[in-house]
């Protein structure tokens, strides 16, 4: 899989998650993908100071991204 295909898969995963975040007044943006293993995202809106955002990131976002792109090992939030 090329880097472009990987980015496309990650974007697909984020599109799947986005409605849930937006329903709570938040959003998520893809910042970048490093070494085809690490995805950097930025939580936005109400997700920024939310106490459950780390849980959301790990259980929801990371799981969904790995479903679309199994080679991804970690998803991190960058401020």
N, C-alpha and C. Protein backbone atom coordinates (compact mmCIF):
# COMPACT_ATOMS: atom_id res chain seq x y z
N UNK A 1 0.84 -1.18 0.00
CA UNK A 1 0.00 0.00 0.00
C UNK A 1 0.89 1.25 0.00
N UNK A 2 0.60 2.17 -0.90
CA UNK A 2 1.39 3.41 -0.97
C UNK A 2 0.99 4.35 0.17
N UNK A 3 1.79 5.38 0.38
CA UNK A 3 1.47 6.36 1.41
C UNK A 3 0.15 7.07 1.11
N UNK A 4 -0.11 7.32 -0.17
CA UNK A 4 -1.38 7.97 -0.55
C UNK A 4 -2.57 7.06 -0.25
N UNK A 5 -2.42 5.77 -0.55
CA UNK A 5 -3.51 4.82 -0.27
C UNK A 5 -3.74 4.73 1.24
N UNK A 6 -2.65 4.73 2.00
CA UNK A 6 -2.76 4.65 3.45
C UNK A 6 -3.49 5.89 3.99
N UNK A 7 -3.09 7.06 3.49
CA UNK A 7 -3.74 8.30 3.91
C UNK A 7 -5.24 8.25 3.59
N UNK A 8 -5.57 7.72 2.44
CA UNK A 8 -6.96 7.60 2.02
C UNK A 8 -7.73 6.68 2.98
N UNK A 9 -7.13 5.57 3.36
CA UNK A 9 -7.76 4.64 4.30
C UNK A 9 -7.98 5.29 5.67
N UNK A 10 -6.98 6.06 6.13
CA UNK A 10 -7.10 6.74 7.42
C UNK A 10 -8.21 7.80 7.35
N UNK A 11 -8.27 8.53 6.24
CA UNK A 11 -9.33 9.53 6.06
C UNK A 11 -10.70 8.86 6.07
N UNK A 12 -10.80 7.69 5.43
CA UNK A 12 -12.06 6.92 5.43
C UNK A 12 -12.48 6.60 6.87
N UNK A 13 -11.52 6.16 7.66
CA UNK A 13 -11.80 5.82 9.06
C UNK A 13 -12.27 7.05 9.82
N UNK A 14 -11.61 8.19 9.59
CA UNK A 14 -12.01 9.42 10.28
C UNK A 14 -13.41 9.86 9.87
N UNK A 15 -13.76 9.65 8.61
CA UNK A 15 -15.11 10.00 8.14
C UNK A 15 -16.15 9.15 8.87
N UNK A 16 -15.78 7.92 9.18
CA UNK A 16 -16.68 7.01 9.90
C UNK A 16 -16.90 7.49 11.34
N UNK A 17 -15.86 8.06 11.93
CA UNK A 17 -15.90 8.50 13.33
C UNK A 17 -16.50 9.90 13.49
N UNK A 18 -16.24 10.74 12.51
CA UNK A 18 -16.59 12.16 12.58
C UNK A 18 -18.02 12.45 13.03
N UNK A 19 -19.05 11.76 12.52
CA UNK A 19 -20.43 12.08 12.95
C UNK A 19 -20.64 11.93 14.45
N UNK A 20 -19.97 10.97 15.07
CA UNK A 20 -20.11 10.77 16.52
C UNK A 20 -19.49 11.94 17.29
N UNK A 21 -18.33 12.39 16.82
CA UNK A 21 -17.65 13.51 17.47
C UNK A 21 -18.45 14.80 17.24
N UNK A 22 -18.95 14.98 16.03
CA UNK A 22 -19.69 16.20 15.71
C UNK A 22 -21.01 16.29 16.46
N UNK A 23 -21.60 15.13 16.76
CA UNK A 23 -22.86 15.15 17.51
C UNK A 23 -22.65 15.68 18.93
N UNK A 24 -21.40 15.65 19.41
CA UNK A 24 -21.07 16.20 20.72
C UNK A 24 -20.38 17.56 20.61
N UNK A 25 -20.37 18.14 19.42
CA UNK A 25 -19.77 19.45 19.22
C UNK A 25 -18.28 19.42 18.98
N UNK A 26 -17.74 18.26 18.66
CA UNK A 26 -16.29 18.14 18.42
C UNK A 26 -16.00 17.77 16.98
N UNK A 27 -14.75 17.50 16.71
CA UNK A 27 -14.32 17.06 15.39
C UNK A 27 -12.90 16.50 15.52
N UNK A 28 -12.39 16.00 14.40
CA UNK A 28 -11.03 15.44 14.39
C UNK A 28 -10.39 15.77 13.06
N UNK A 29 -9.10 16.09 13.09
CA UNK A 29 -8.37 16.41 11.86
C UNK A 29 -7.13 15.53 11.78
N UNK A 30 -6.84 15.05 10.58
CA UNK A 30 -5.62 14.28 10.35
C UNK A 30 -4.46 15.25 10.19
N UNK A 31 -3.45 15.10 11.03
CA UNK A 31 -2.27 15.96 10.96
C UNK A 31 -1.20 15.31 10.10
N UNK A 32 -1.01 14.02 10.26
CA UNK A 32 -0.02 13.34 9.44
C UNK A 32 0.13 11.89 9.81
N UNK A 33 0.89 11.18 8.98
CA UNK A 33 1.19 9.77 9.21
C UNK A 33 2.70 9.62 9.12
N UNK A 34 3.31 9.07 10.17
CA UNK A 34 4.76 8.90 10.18
C UNK A 34 5.14 7.44 10.03
N UNK A 35 6.07 7.18 9.11
CA UNK A 35 6.61 5.85 8.88
C UNK A 35 5.54 4.79 8.63
N UNK A 36 4.39 5.23 8.12
CA UNK A 36 3.25 4.35 7.84
C UNK A 36 2.79 3.55 9.06
N UNK A 37 3.10 4.05 10.26
CA UNK A 37 2.73 3.31 11.48
C UNK A 37 2.05 4.20 12.52
N UNK A 38 2.40 5.48 12.54
CA UNK A 38 1.92 6.39 13.58
C UNK A 38 1.03 7.46 12.95
N UNK A 39 -0.21 7.51 13.39
CA UNK A 39 -1.14 8.52 12.90
C UNK A 39 -1.24 9.64 13.92
N UNK A 40 -1.09 10.88 13.45
CA UNK A 40 -1.24 12.04 14.31
C UNK A 40 -2.53 12.75 13.94
N UNK A 41 -3.36 12.96 14.95
CA UNK A 41 -4.63 13.64 14.75
C UNK A 41 -4.73 14.80 15.73
N UNK A 42 -5.67 15.70 15.47
CA UNK A 42 -5.95 16.75 16.43
C UNK A 42 -7.44 16.74 16.71
N UNK A 43 -7.78 16.55 17.98
CA UNK A 43 -9.16 16.64 18.39
C UNK A 43 -9.53 18.11 18.46
N UNK A 44 -10.74 18.44 18.00
CA UNK A 44 -11.16 19.83 17.91
C UNK A 44 -12.51 20.05 18.57
N UNK A 45 -12.84 21.32 18.75
CA UNK A 45 -14.13 21.68 19.33
C UNK A 45 -14.23 21.23 20.78
N UNK A 46 -15.37 20.68 21.15
CA UNK A 46 -15.57 20.26 22.54
C UNK A 46 -14.69 19.09 22.92
N UNK A 47 -14.09 18.41 21.94
CA UNK A 47 -13.21 17.27 22.23
C UNK A 47 -11.90 17.72 22.88
N UNK A 48 -11.54 19.01 22.71
CA UNK A 48 -10.24 19.49 23.17
C UNK A 48 -10.04 19.31 24.68
N UNK A 49 -10.94 19.81 25.49
CA UNK A 49 -10.74 19.72 26.93
C UNK A 49 -11.50 18.58 27.57
N UNK A 50 -12.04 17.70 26.76
CA UNK A 50 -12.93 16.65 27.27
C UNK A 50 -12.14 15.58 28.03
N UNK A 51 -12.64 15.21 29.18
CA UNK A 51 -11.94 14.23 30.01
C UNK A 51 -11.93 12.84 29.40
N UNK A 52 -12.87 12.55 28.51
CA UNK A 52 -12.89 11.21 27.91
C UNK A 52 -12.18 11.16 26.57
N UNK A 53 -11.51 12.26 26.17
CA UNK A 53 -10.94 12.24 24.83
C UNK A 53 -9.83 11.21 24.65
N UNK A 54 -9.04 10.92 25.68
CA UNK A 54 -8.01 9.89 25.54
C UNK A 54 -8.65 8.51 25.37
N UNK A 55 -9.74 8.27 26.07
CA UNK A 55 -10.46 7.01 25.92
C UNK A 55 -11.07 6.94 24.52
N UNK A 56 -11.67 8.04 24.08
CA UNK A 56 -12.26 8.10 22.74
C UNK A 56 -11.19 7.84 21.70
N UNK A 57 -10.03 8.45 21.89
CA UNK A 57 -8.94 8.31 20.94
C UNK A 57 -8.51 6.85 20.83
N UNK A 58 -8.31 6.20 21.97
CA UNK A 58 -7.83 4.81 21.96
C UNK A 58 -8.90 3.83 21.50
N UNK A 59 -10.08 3.89 22.14
CA UNK A 59 -11.08 2.86 21.85
C UNK A 59 -11.79 3.11 20.52
N UNK A 60 -12.15 4.36 20.26
CA UNK A 60 -12.90 4.63 19.04
C UNK A 60 -12.04 4.89 17.83
N UNK A 61 -11.22 5.91 17.93
CA UNK A 61 -10.45 6.36 16.77
C UNK A 61 -9.39 5.35 16.36
N UNK A 62 -8.56 4.92 17.30
CA UNK A 62 -7.48 3.98 16.96
C UNK A 62 -8.05 2.66 16.44
N UNK A 63 -9.09 2.17 17.09
CA UNK A 63 -9.68 0.90 16.66
C UNK A 63 -10.24 1.01 15.24
N UNK A 64 -10.91 2.11 14.95
CA UNK A 64 -11.50 2.29 13.62
C UNK A 64 -10.42 2.45 12.55
N UNK A 65 -9.38 3.21 12.87
CA UNK A 65 -8.29 3.38 11.91
C UNK A 65 -7.60 2.05 11.64
N UNK A 66 -7.36 1.26 12.69
CA UNK A 66 -6.71 -0.05 12.51
C UNK A 66 -7.58 -1.00 11.68
N UNK A 67 -8.88 -0.84 11.78
CA UNK A 67 -9.79 -1.68 10.98
C UNK A 67 -9.60 -1.37 9.49
N UNK A 68 -9.41 -0.09 9.16
CA UNK A 68 -9.22 0.32 7.78
C UNK A 68 -7.78 0.15 7.31
N UNK A 69 -6.83 0.32 8.23
CA UNK A 69 -5.40 0.26 7.88
C UNK A 69 -4.66 -0.50 8.98
N UNK A 70 -4.66 -1.82 8.90
CA UNK A 70 -4.11 -2.66 9.98
C UNK A 70 -2.64 -2.42 10.31
N UNK A 71 -1.87 -1.84 9.39
CA UNK A 71 -0.45 -1.62 9.67
C UNK A 71 -0.22 -0.46 10.63
N UNK A 72 -1.24 0.34 10.89
CA UNK A 72 -1.09 1.45 11.85
C UNK A 72 -0.94 0.86 13.25
N UNK A 73 0.08 1.33 13.96
CA UNK A 73 0.35 0.80 15.30
C UNK A 73 -0.15 1.71 16.40
N UNK A 74 -0.21 3.03 16.14
CA UNK A 74 -0.59 3.94 17.21
C UNK A 74 -1.22 5.20 16.62
N UNK A 75 -2.17 5.76 17.39
CA UNK A 75 -2.78 7.03 17.05
C UNK A 75 -2.56 7.97 18.21
N UNK A 76 -2.02 9.15 17.94
CA UNK A 76 -1.78 10.12 19.00
C UNK A 76 -2.46 11.44 18.67
N UNK A 77 -2.86 12.14 19.72
CA UNK A 77 -3.45 13.46 19.58
C UNK A 77 -2.36 14.51 19.75
N UNK A 78 -2.27 15.44 18.82
CA UNK A 78 -1.32 16.54 18.95
C UNK A 78 -2.10 17.82 19.15
N UNK A 79 -1.62 18.64 20.06
CA UNK A 79 -2.34 19.88 20.39
C UNK A 79 -1.97 20.97 19.42
